[in-house]
Amino acid sequence: MEKIEHAEPAIEFVIEAGSSKYDITTNQGKNALLQDVVTMIVQMHGTVAIDQSLRLTAKKLDLSLQSVYFEYNRAVRGRKHEKPQEEKPSTQLS
């Protein structure tokens, strides 16, 4: 039970892993990692979990919470406007 209580949140793990993938001392690196993290957060359920993840992201990347929420909201709007993949009729050769 103690291991669970001290387990690293998934978002924190993604941020730490991304910190070695991107140079987060630059705006370009922060933005790239932010996009990776937001993609994961968009798939989450529950406003508390989403809010905590966005706050942690802002803190770890030294960004304003407002800018992190802006990117999150833009990603959510993008998902709503995505069209589901249409199934193409299969063409079978006889």
PDB file of N, CA and C in Angstrom:
ATOM      1  N   MET A   1       0.830  -1.193   0.000  1.00  0.00           N
ATOM      2  CA  MET A   1       0.000   0.000   0.000  1.00  0.00           C
ATOM      3  C   MET A   1       0.873   1.255   0.000  1.00  0.00           C
ATOM      4  N   GLU A   2       2.016   1.186   0.668  1.00  0.00           N
ATOM      5  CA  GLU A   2       2.899   2.345   0.736  1.00  0.00           C
ATOM      6  C   GLU A   2       3.409   2.724  -0.649  1.00  0.00           C
ATOM      7  N   LYS A   3       3.696   1.747  -1.501  1.00  0.00           N
ATOM      8  CA  LYS A   3       4.170   2.021  -2.854  1.00  0.00           C
ATOM      9  C   LYS A   3       3.121   2.777  -3.657  1.00  0.00           C
ATOM     10  N   ILE A   4       1.861   2.416  -3.484  1.00  0.00           N
ATOM     11  CA  ILE A   4       0.778   3.086  -4.207  1.00  0.00           C
ATOM     12  C   ILE A   4       0.667   4.535  -3.764  1.00  0.00           C
ATOM     13  N   GLU A   5       0.769   4.782  -2.477  1.00  0.00           N
ATOM     14  CA  GLU A   5       0.652   6.142  -1.958  1.00  0.00           C
ATOM     15  C   GLU A   5       1.767   7.045  -2.476  1.00  0.00           C
ATOM     16  N   HIS A   6       2.937   6.476  -2.731  1.00  0.00           N
ATOM     17  CA  HIS A   6       4.067   7.267  -3.190  1.00  0.00           C
ATOM     18  C   HIS A   6       4.311   7.108  -4.685  1.00  0.00           C
ATOM     19  N   ALA A   7       3.377   6.501  -5.387  1.00  0.00           N
ATOM     20  CA  ALA A   7       3.527   6.305  -6.831  1.00  0.00           C
ATOM     21  C   ALA A   7       3.502   7.645  -7.554  1.00  0.00           C
ATOM     22  N   GLU A   8       4.314   7.729  -8.585  1.00  0.00           N
ATOM     23  CA  GLU A   8       4.399   8.947  -9.377  1.00  0.00           C
ATOM     24  C   GLU A   8       3.186   9.021 -10.301  1.00  0.00           C
ATOM     25  N   PRO A   9       2.475  10.165 -10.323  1.00  0.00           N
ATOM     26  CA  PRO A   9       1.345  10.291 -11.240  1.00  0.00           C
ATOM     27  C   PRO A   9       1.813  10.103 -12.685  1.00  0.00           C
ATOM     28  N   ALA A  10       0.942   9.539 -13.517  1.00  0.00           N
ATOM     29  CA  ALA A  10       1.295   9.258 -14.912  1.00  0.00           C
ATOM     30  C   ALA A  10       1.753  10.517 -15.633  1.00  0.00           C
ATOM     31  N   ILE A  11       1.088  11.625 -15.403  1.00  0.00           N
ATOM     32  CA  ILE A  11       1.455  12.877 -16.072  1.00  0.00           C
ATOM     33  C   ILE A  11       2.862  13.293 -15.672  1.00  0.00           C
ATOM     34  N   GLU A  12       3.183  13.142 -14.403  1.00  0.00           N
ATOM     35  CA  GLU A  12       4.523  13.505 -13.943  1.00  0.00           C
ATOM     36  C   GLU A  12       5.576  12.634 -14.621  1.00  0.00           C
ATOM     37  N   PHE A  13       5.258  11.359 -14.784  1.00  0.00           N
ATOM     38  CA  PHE A  13       6.173  10.454 -15.477  1.00  0.00           C
ATOM     39  C   PHE A  13       6.373  10.898 -16.921  1.00  0.00           C
ATOM     40  N   VAL A  14       5.283  11.259 -17.607  1.00  0.00           N
ATOM     41  CA  VAL A  14       5.369  11.712 -18.993  1.00  0.00           C
ATOM     42  C   VAL A  14       6.203  12.984 -19.090  1.00  0.00           C
ATOM     43  N   ILE A  15       6.022  13.886 -18.158  1.00  0.00           N
ATOM     44  CA  ILE A  15       6.790  15.133 -18.155  1.00  0.00           C
ATOM     45  C   ILE A  15       8.269  14.847 -17.930  1.00  0.00           C
ATOM     46  N   GLU A  16       8.570  13.986 -16.971  1.00  0.00           N
ATOM     47  CA  GLU A  16       9.975  13.652 -16.687  1.00  0.00           C
ATOM     48  C   GLU A  16      10.616  12.965 -17.891  1.00  0.00           C
ATOM     49  N   ALA A  17       9.895  12.038 -18.502  1.00  0.00           N
ATOM     50  CA  ALA A  17      10.433  11.348 -19.683  1.00  0.00           C
ATOM     51  C   ALA A  17      10.618  12.339 -20.836  1.00  0.00           C
ATOM     52  N   GLY A  18       9.655  13.234 -21.015  1.00  0.00           N
ATOM     53  CA  GLY A  18       9.739  14.225 -22.074  1.00  0.00           C
ATOM     54  C   GLY A  18      10.838  15.239 -21.853  1.00  0.00           C
ATOM     55  N   SER A  19      11.194  15.458 -20.601  1.00  0.00           N
ATOM     56  CA  SER A  19      12.270  16.401 -20.284  1.00  0.00           C
ATOM     57  C   SER A  19      13.605  15.932 -20.837  1.00  0.00           C
ATOM     58  N   SER A  20      13.766  14.625 -20.971  1.00  0.00           N
ATOM     59  CA  SER A  20      15.003  14.120 -21.568  1.00  0.00           C
ATOM     60  C   SER A  20      14.890  14.042 -23.087  1.00  0.00           C
ATOM     61  N   LYS A  21      13.673  14.017 -23.576  1.00  0.00           N
ATOM     62  CA  LYS A  21      13.442  13.965 -25.029  1.00  0.00           C
ATOM     63  C   LYS A  21      13.547  15.358 -25.655  1.00  0.00           C
ATOM     64  N   TYR A  22      13.043  16.364 -24.948  1.00  0.00           N
ATOM     65  CA  TYR A  22      13.025  17.739 -25.446  1.00  0.00           C
ATOM     66  C   TYR A  22      13.876  18.636 -24.554  1.00  0.00           C
ATOM     67  N   ASP A  23      14.381  19.705 -25.122  1.00  0.00           N
ATOM     68  CA  ASP A  23      15.119  20.704 -24.345  1.00  0.00           C
ATOM     69  C   ASP A  23      14.106  21.698 -23.783  1.00  0.00           C
ATOM     70  N   ILE A  24      13.670  21.452 -22.555  1.00  0.00           N
ATOM     71  CA  ILE A  24      12.610  22.292 -21.993  1.00  0.00           C
ATOM     72  C   ILE A  24      13.128  23.614 -21.443  1.00  0.00           C
ATOM     73  N   THR A  25      14.384  23.913 -21.712  1.00  0.00           N
ATOM     74  CA  THR A  25      14.879  25.250 -21.382  1.00  0.00           C
ATOM     75  C   THR A  25      14.552  26.227 -22.509  1.00  0.00           C
ATOM     76  N   THR A  26      14.039  25.690 -23.629  1.00  0.00           N
ATOM     77  CA  THR A  26      13.657  26.539 -24.758  1.00  0.00           C
ATOM     78  C   THR A  26      12.138  26.540 -24.907  1.00  0.00           C
ATOM     79  N   ASN A  27      11.618  27.588 -25.510  1.00  0.00           N
ATOM     80  CA  ASN A  27      10.172  27.653 -25.761  1.00  0.00           C
ATOM     81  C   ASN A  27       9.731  26.530 -26.686  1.00  0.00           C
ATOM     82  N   GLN A  28      10.542  26.220 -27.687  1.00  0.00           N
ATOM     83  CA  GLN A  28      10.199  25.153 -28.629  1.00  0.00           C
ATOM     84  C   GLN A  28      10.109  23.802 -27.922  1.00  0.00           C
ATOM     85  N   GLY A  29      11.049  23.527 -27.027  1.00  0.00           N
ATOM     86  CA  GLY A  29      11.032  22.268 -26.279  1.00  0.00           C
ATOM     87  C   GLY A  29       9.853  22.185 -25.332  1.00  0.00           C
ATOM     88  N   LYS A  30       9.566  23.295 -24.645  1.00  0.00           N
ATOM     89  CA  LYS A  30       8.412  23.325 -23.740  1.00  0.00           C
ATOM     90  C   LYS A  30       7.123  23.100 -24.513  1.00  0.00           C
ATOM     91  N   ASN A  31       7.004  23.748 -25.676  1.00  0.00           N
ATOM     92  CA  ASN A  31       5.796  23.602 -26.470  1.00  0.00           C
ATOM     93  C   ASN A  31       5.627  22.164 -26.967  1.00  0.00           C
ATOM     94  N   ALA A  32       6.702  21.546 -27.401  1.00  0.00           N
ATOM     95  CA  ALA A  32       6.626  20.160 -27.880  1.00  0.00           C
ATOM     96  C   ALA A  32       6.179  19.222 -26.764  1.00  0.00           C
ATOM     97  N   LEU A  33       6.767  19.384 -25.583  1.00  0.00           N
ATOM     98  CA  LEU A  33       6.377  18.540 -24.450  1.00  0.00           C
ATOM     99  C   LEU A  33       4.949  18.848 -24.015  1.00  0.00           C
ATOM    100  N   LEU A  34       4.583  20.118 -24.027  1.00  0.00           N
ATOM    101  CA  LEU A  34       3.217  20.503 -23.662  1.00  0.00           C
ATOM    102  C   LEU A  34       2.209  19.816 -24.579  1.00  0.00           C
ATOM    103  N   GLN A  35       2.501  19.753 -25.865  1.00  0.00           N
ATOM    104  CA  GLN A  35       1.591  19.095 -26.804  1.00  0.00           C
ATOM    105  C   GLN A  35       1.457  17.604 -26.475  1.00  0.00           C
ATOM    106  N   ASP A  36       2.562  16.955 -26.130  1.00  0.00           N
ATOM    107  CA  ASP A  36       2.514  15.534 -25.745  1.00  0.00           C
ATOM    108  C   ASP A  36       1.655  15.335 -24.504  1.00  0.00           C
ATOM    109  N   VAL A  37       1.867  16.181 -23.516  1.00  0.00           N
ATOM    110  CA  VAL A  37       1.142  16.048 -22.247  1.00  0.00           C
ATOM    111  C   VAL A  37      -0.342  16.351 -22.436  1.00  0.00           C
ATOM    112  N   VAL A  38      -0.657  17.401 -23.172  1.00  0.00           N
ATOM    113  CA  VAL A  38      -2.058  17.776 -23.402  1.00  0.00           C
ATOM    114  C   VAL A  38      -2.782  16.651 -24.147  1.00  0.00           C
ATOM    115  N   THR A  39      -2.111  16.017 -25.083  1.00  0.00           N
ATOM    116  CA  THR A  39      -2.720  14.892 -25.803  1.00  0.00           C
ATOM    117  C   THR A  39      -3.138  13.788 -24.833  1.00  0.00           C
ATOM    118  N   MET A  40      -2.336  13.577 -23.819  1.00  0.00           N
ATOM    119  CA  MET A  40      -2.671  12.566 -22.814  1.00  0.00           C
ATOM    120  C   MET A  40      -3.802  13.053 -21.898  1.00  0.00           C
ATOM    121  N   ILE A  41      -3.737  14.314 -21.486  1.00  0.00           N
ATOM    122  CA  ILE A  41      -4.745  14.852 -20.561  1.00  0.00           C
ATOM    123  C   ILE A  41      -6.121  14.882 -21.216  1.00  0.00           C
ATOM    124  N   VAL A  42      -6.190  15.168 -22.497  1.00  0.00           N
ATOM    125  CA  VAL A  42      -7.475  15.218 -23.209  1.00  0.00           C
ATOM    126  C   VAL A  42      -8.205  13.879 -23.109  1.00  0.00           C
ATOM    127  N   GLN A  43      -7.475  12.810 -22.974  1.00  0.00           N
ATOM    128  CA  GLN A  43      -8.086  11.480 -22.893  1.00  0.00           C
ATOM    129  C   GLN A  43      -8.543  11.119 -21.488  1.00  0.00           C
ATOM    130  N   MET A  44      -8.229  11.967 -20.525  1.00  0.00           N
ATOM    131  CA  MET A  44      -8.595  11.698 -19.133  1.00  0.00           C
ATOM    132  C   MET A  44     -10.067  12.022 -18.885  1.00  0.00           C
ATOM    133  N   HIS A  45     -10.596  11.442 -17.819  1.00  0.00           N
ATOM    134  CA  HIS A  45     -11.967  11.698 -17.396  1.00  0.00           C
ATOM    135  C   HIS A  45     -11.933  12.261 -15.984  1.00  0.00           C
ATOM    136  N   GLY A  46     -12.824  13.178 -15.714  1.00  0.00           N
ATOM    137  CA  GLY A  46     -12.935  13.740 -14.370  1.00  0.00           C
ATOM    138  C   GLY A  46     -12.249  15.092 -14.275  1.00  0.00           C
ATOM    139  N   THR A  47     -13.032  16.087 -13.891  1.00  0.00           N
ATOM    140  CA  THR A  47     -12.514  17.451 -13.862  1.00  0.00           C
ATOM    141  C   THR A  47     -11.394  17.649 -12.843  1.00  0.00           C
ATOM    142  N   VAL A  48     -11.444  16.940 -11.726  1.00  0.00           N
ATOM    143  CA  VAL A  48     -10.409  17.097 -10.711  1.00  0.00           C
ATOM    144  C   VAL A  48      -9.077  16.557 -11.245  1.00  0.00           C
ATOM    145  N   ALA A  49      -9.103  15.383 -11.839  1.00  0.00           N
ATOM    146  CA  ALA A  49      -7.876  14.792 -12.389  1.00  0.00           C
ATOM    147  C   ALA A  49      -7.305  15.667 -13.499  1.00  0.00           C
ATOM    148  N   ILE A  50      -8.168  16.194 -14.343  1.00  0.00           N
ATOM    149  CA  ILE A  50      -7.722  17.059 -15.432  1.00  0.00           C
ATOM    150  C   ILE A  50      -7.112  18.331 -14.867  1.00  0.00           C
ATOM    151  N   ASP A  51      -7.793  18.953 -13.923  1.00  0.00           N
ATOM    152  CA  ASP A  51      -7.294  20.188 -13.325  1.00  0.00           C
ATOM    153  C   ASP A  51      -5.946  19.967 -12.639  1.00  0.00           C
ATOM    154  N   GLN A  52      -5.827  18.905 -11.873  1.00  0.00           N
ATOM    155  CA  GLN A  52      -4.566  18.619 -11.181  1.00  0.00           C
ATOM    156  C   GLN A  52      -3.439  18.375 -12.182  1.00  0.00           C
ATOM    157  N   SER A  53      -3.748  17.690 -13.256  1.00  0.00           N
ATOM    158  CA  SER A  53      -2.736  17.398 -14.275  1.00  0.00           C
ATOM    159  C   SER A  53      -2.291  18.668 -14.986  1.00  0.00           C
ATOM    160  N   LEU A  54      -3.236  19.547 -15.280  1.00  0.00           N
ATOM    161  CA  LEU A  54      -2.890  20.809 -15.935  1.00  0.00           C
ATOM    162  C   LEU A  54      -2.056  21.695 -15.011  1.00  0.00           C
ATOM    163  N   ARG A  55      -2.409  21.717 -13.733  1.00  0.00           N
ATOM    164  CA  ARG A  55      -1.642  22.514 -12.764  1.00  0.00           C
ATOM    165  C   ARG A  55      -0.216  21.971 -12.615  1.00  0.00           C
ATOM    166  N   LEU A  56      -0.087  20.663 -12.534  1.00  0.00           N
ATOM    167  CA  LEU A  56       1.226  20.045 -12.426  1.00  0.00           C
ATOM    168  C   LEU A  56       2.065  20.342 -13.669  1.00  0.00           C
ATOM    169  N   THR A  57       1.434  20.266 -14.822  1.00  0.00           N
ATOM    170  CA  THR A  57       2.129  20.557 -16.081  1.00  0.00           C
ATOM    171  C   THR A  57       2.636  21.990 -16.100  1.00  0.00           C
ATOM    172  N   ALA A  58       1.784  22.926 -15.706  1.00  0.00           N
ATOM    173  CA  ALA A  58       2.181  24.335 -15.683  1.00  0.00           C
ATOM    174  C   ALA A  58       3.363  24.539 -14.734  1.00  0.00           C
ATOM    175  N   LYS A  59       3.304  23.911 -13.595  1.00  0.00           N
ATOM    176  CA  LYS A  59       4.376  24.067 -12.602  1.00  0.00           C
ATOM    177  C   LYS A  59       5.686  23.464 -13.115  1.00  0.00           C
ATOM    178  N   LYS A  60       5.619  22.232 -13.630  1.00  0.00           N
ATOM    179  CA  LYS A  60       6.833  21.538 -14.072  1.00  0.00           C
ATOM    180  C   LYS A  60       7.487  22.215 -15.272  1.00  0.00           C
ATOM    181  N   LEU A  61       6.667  22.802 -16.145  1.00  0.00           N
ATOM    182  CA  LEU A  61       7.219  23.447 -17.341  1.00  0.00           C
ATOM    183  C   LEU A  61       7.434  24.941 -17.150  1.00  0.00           C
ATOM    184  N   ASP A  62       7.147  25.434 -15.957  1.00  0.00           N
ATOM    185  CA  ASP A  62       7.291  26.852 -15.638  1.00  0.00           C
ATOM    186  C   ASP A  62       6.509  27.713 -16.636  1.00  0.00           C
ATOM    187  N   LEU A  63       5.233  27.355 -16.797  1.00  0.00           N
ATOM    188  CA  LEU A  63       4.329  28.075 -17.685  1.00  0.00           C
ATOM    189  C   LEU A  63       3.157  28.597 -16.866  1.00  0.00           C
ATOM    190  N   SER A  64       2.474  29.605 -17.385  1.00  0.00           N
ATOM    191  CA  SER A  64       1.292  30.081 -16.688  1.00  0.00           C
ATOM    192  C   SER A  64       0.182  29.033 -16.837  1.00  0.00           C
ATOM    193  N   LEU A  65      -0.632  28.930 -15.812  1.00  0.00           N
ATOM    194  CA  LEU A  65      -1.756  28.001 -15.859  1.00  0.00           C
ATOM    195  C   LEU A  65      -2.691  28.385 -16.993  1.00  0.00           C
ATOM    196  N   GLN A  66      -2.820  29.675 -17.241  1.00  0.00           N
ATOM    197  CA  GLN A  66      -3.682  30.159 -18.314  1.00  0.00           C
ATOM    198  C   GLN A  66      -3.221  29.633 -19.680  1.00  0.00           C
ATOM    199  N   SER A  67      -1.932  29.648 -19.943  1.00  0.00           N
ATOM    200  CA  SER A  67      -1.449  29.178 -21.246  1.00  0.00           C
ATOM    201  C   SER A  67      -1.614  27.668 -21.388  1.00  0.00           C
ATOM    202  N   VAL A  68      -1.459  26.930 -20.296  1.00  0.00           N
ATOM    203  CA  VAL A  68      -1.647  25.480 -20.341  1.00  0.00           C
ATOM    204  C   VAL A  68      -3.121  25.156 -20.584  1.00  0.00           C
ATOM    205  N   TYR A  69      -4.026  25.866 -19.896  1.00  0.00           N
ATOM    206  CA  TYR A  69      -5.456  25.670 -20.119  1.00  0.00           C
ATOM    207  C   TYR A  69      -5.845  26.037 -21.553  1.00  0.00           C
ATOM    208  N   PHE A  70      -5.224  27.080 -22.093  1.00  0.00           N
ATOM    209  CA  PHE A  70      -5.507  27.490 -23.468  1.00  0.00           C
ATOM    210  C   PHE A  70      -5.189  26.347 -24.427  1.00  0.00           C
ATOM    211  N   GLU A  71      -4.024  25.739 -24.275  1.00  0.00           N
ATOM    212  CA  GLU A  71      -3.637  24.625 -25.146  1.00  0.00           C
ATOM    213  C   GLU A  71      -4.554  23.417 -24.949  1.00  0.00           C
ATOM    214  N   TYR A  72      -4.930  23.167 -23.695  1.00  0.00           N
ATOM    215  CA  TYR A  72      -5.851  22.060 -23.411  1.00  0.00           C
ATOM    216  C   TYR A  72      -7.196  22.299 -24.088  1.00  0.00           C
ATOM    217  N   ASN A  73      -7.748  23.499 -23.929  1.00  0.00           N
ATOM    218  CA  ASN A  73      -9.049  23.807 -24.540  1.00  0.00           C
ATOM    219  C   ASN A  73      -8.988  23.738 -26.052  1.00  0.00           C
ATOM    220  N   ARG A  74      -7.882  24.171 -26.628  1.00  0.00           N
ATOM    221  CA  ARG A  74      -7.730  24.089 -28.080  1.00  0.00           C
ATOM    222  C   ARG A  74      -7.714  22.627 -28.529  1.00  0.00           C
ATOM    223  N   ALA A  75      -7.056  21.774 -27.773  1.00  0.00           N
ATOM    224  CA  ALA A  75      -7.016  20.350 -28.104  1.00  0.00           C
ATOM    225  C   ALA A  75      -8.397  19.711 -27.973  1.00  0.00           C
ATOM    226  N   VAL A  76      -9.140  20.103 -26.943  1.00  0.00           N
ATOM    227  CA  VAL A  76     -10.491  19.559 -26.752  1.00  0.00           C
ATOM    228  C   VAL A  76     -11.393  19.976 -27.908  1.00  0.00           C
ATOM    229  N   ARG A  77     -11.330  21.245 -28.286  1.00  0.00           N
ATOM    230  CA  ARG A  77     -12.141  21.709 -29.420  1.00  0.00           C
ATOM    231  C   ARG A  77     -11.756  20.970 -30.702  1.00  0.00           C
ATOM    232  N   GLY A  78     -10.487  20.718 -30.882  1.00  0.00           N
ATOM    233  CA  GLY A  78     -10.025  19.979 -32.059  1.00  0.00           C
ATOM    234  C   GLY A  78     -10.573  18.568 -32.099  1.00  0.00           C
ATOM    235  N   ARG A  79     -10.659  17.938 -30.945  1.00  0.00           N
ATOM    236  CA  ARG A  79     -11.200  16.570 -30.887  1.00  0.00           C
ATOM    237  C   ARG A  79     -12.680  16.548 -31.217  1.00  0.00           C
ATOM    238  N   LYS A  80     -13.409  17.573 -30.796  1.00  0.00           N
ATOM    239  CA  LYS A  80     -14.848  17.604 -31.048  1.00  0.00           C
ATOM    240  C   LYS A  80     -15.146  17.780 -32.530  1.00  0.00           C
ATOM    241  N   HIS A  81     -14.242  18.432 -33.239  1.00  0.00           N
ATOM    242  CA  HIS A  81     -14.467  18.699 -34.652  1.00  0.00           C
ATOM    243  C   HIS A  81     -13.913  17.613 -35.560  1.00  0.00           C
ATOM    244  N   GLU A  82     -13.208  16.644 -34.986  1.00  0.00           N
ATOM    245  CA  GLU A  82     -12.686  15.549 -35.798  1.00  0.00           C
ATOM    246  C   GLU A  82     -13.848  14.691 -36.261  1.00  0.00           C
ATOM    247  N   LYS A  83     -13.788  14.313 -37.501  1.00  0.00           N
ATOM    248  CA  LYS A  83     -14.818  13.428 -38.032  1.00  0.00           C
ATOM    249  C   LYS A  83     -14.364  11.996 -37.824  1.00  0.00           C
ATOM    250  N   PRO A  84     -15.283  11.140 -37.398  1.00  0.00           N
ATOM    251  CA  PRO A  84     -14.905   9.735 -37.242  1.00  0.00           C
ATOM    252  C   PRO A  84     -14.523   9.166 -38.609  1.00  0.00           C
ATOM    253  N   GLN A  85     -13.616   8.231 -38.593  1.00  0.00           N
ATOM    254  CA  GLN A  85     -13.194   7.590 -39.833  1.00  0.00           C
ATOM    255  C   GLN A  85     -14.385   6.856 -40.445  1.00  0.00           C
ATOM    256  N   GLU A  86     -14.654   7.186 -41.696  1.00  0.00           N
ATOM    257  CA  GLU A  86     -15.753   6.512 -42.382  1.00  0.00           C
ATOM    258  C   GLU A  86     -15.259   5.160 -42.888  1.00  0.00           C
ATOM    259  N   GLU A  87     -16.123   4.191 -42.775  1.00  0.00           N
ATOM    260  CA  GLU A  87     -15.770   2.879 -43.278  1.00  0.00           C
ATOM    261  C   GLU A  87     -15.973   2.864 -44.772  1.00  0.00           C
ATOM    262  N   LYS A  88     -14.950   2.405 -45.449  1.00  0.00           N
ATOM    263  CA  LYS A  88     -15.046   2.289 -46.902  1.00  0.00           C
ATOM    264  C   LYS A  88     -15.577   0.909 -47.232  1.00  0.00           C
ATOM    265  N   PRO A  89     -16.482   0.860 -48.209  1.00  0.00           N
ATOM    266  CA  PRO A  89     -16.978  -0.478 -48.569  1.00  0.00           C
ATOM    267  C   PRO A  89     -15.832  -1.332 -49.108  1.00  0.00           C
ATOM    268  N   SER A  90     -15.817  -2.559 -48.668  1.00  0.00           N
ATOM    269  CA  SER A  90     -14.731  -3.425 -49.118  1.00  0.00           C
ATOM    270  C   SER A  90     -15.019  -3.909 -50.524  1.00  0.00           C
ATOM    271  N   THR A  91     -13.977  -3.973 -51.276  1.00  0.00           N
ATOM    272  CA  THR A  91     -14.101  -4.481 -52.651  1.00  0.00           C
ATOM    273  C   THR A  91     -13.425  -5.842 -52.683  1.00  0.00           C
ATOM    274  N   GLN A  92     -14.240  -6.841 -52.810  1.00  0.00           N
ATOM    275  CA  GLN A  92     -13.710  -8.196 -52.817  1.00  0.00           C
ATOM    276  C   GLN A  92     -13.624  -8.681 -54.239  1.00  0.00           C
ATOM    277  N   LEU A  93     -12.542  -9.322 -54.539  1.00  0.00           N
ATOM    278  CA  LEU A  93     -12.369  -9.920 -55.853  1.00  0.00           C
ATOM    279  C   LEU A  93     -12.882 -11.349 -55.790  1.00  0.00           C
ATOM    280  N   SER A  94     -13.707 -11.703 -56.746  1.00  0.00           N
ATOM    281  CA  SER A  94     -14.260 -13.062 -56.736  1.00  0.00           C
ATOM    282  C   SER A  94     -13.490 -13.963 -57.660  1.00  0.00           C
TER     283      SER A  94
END
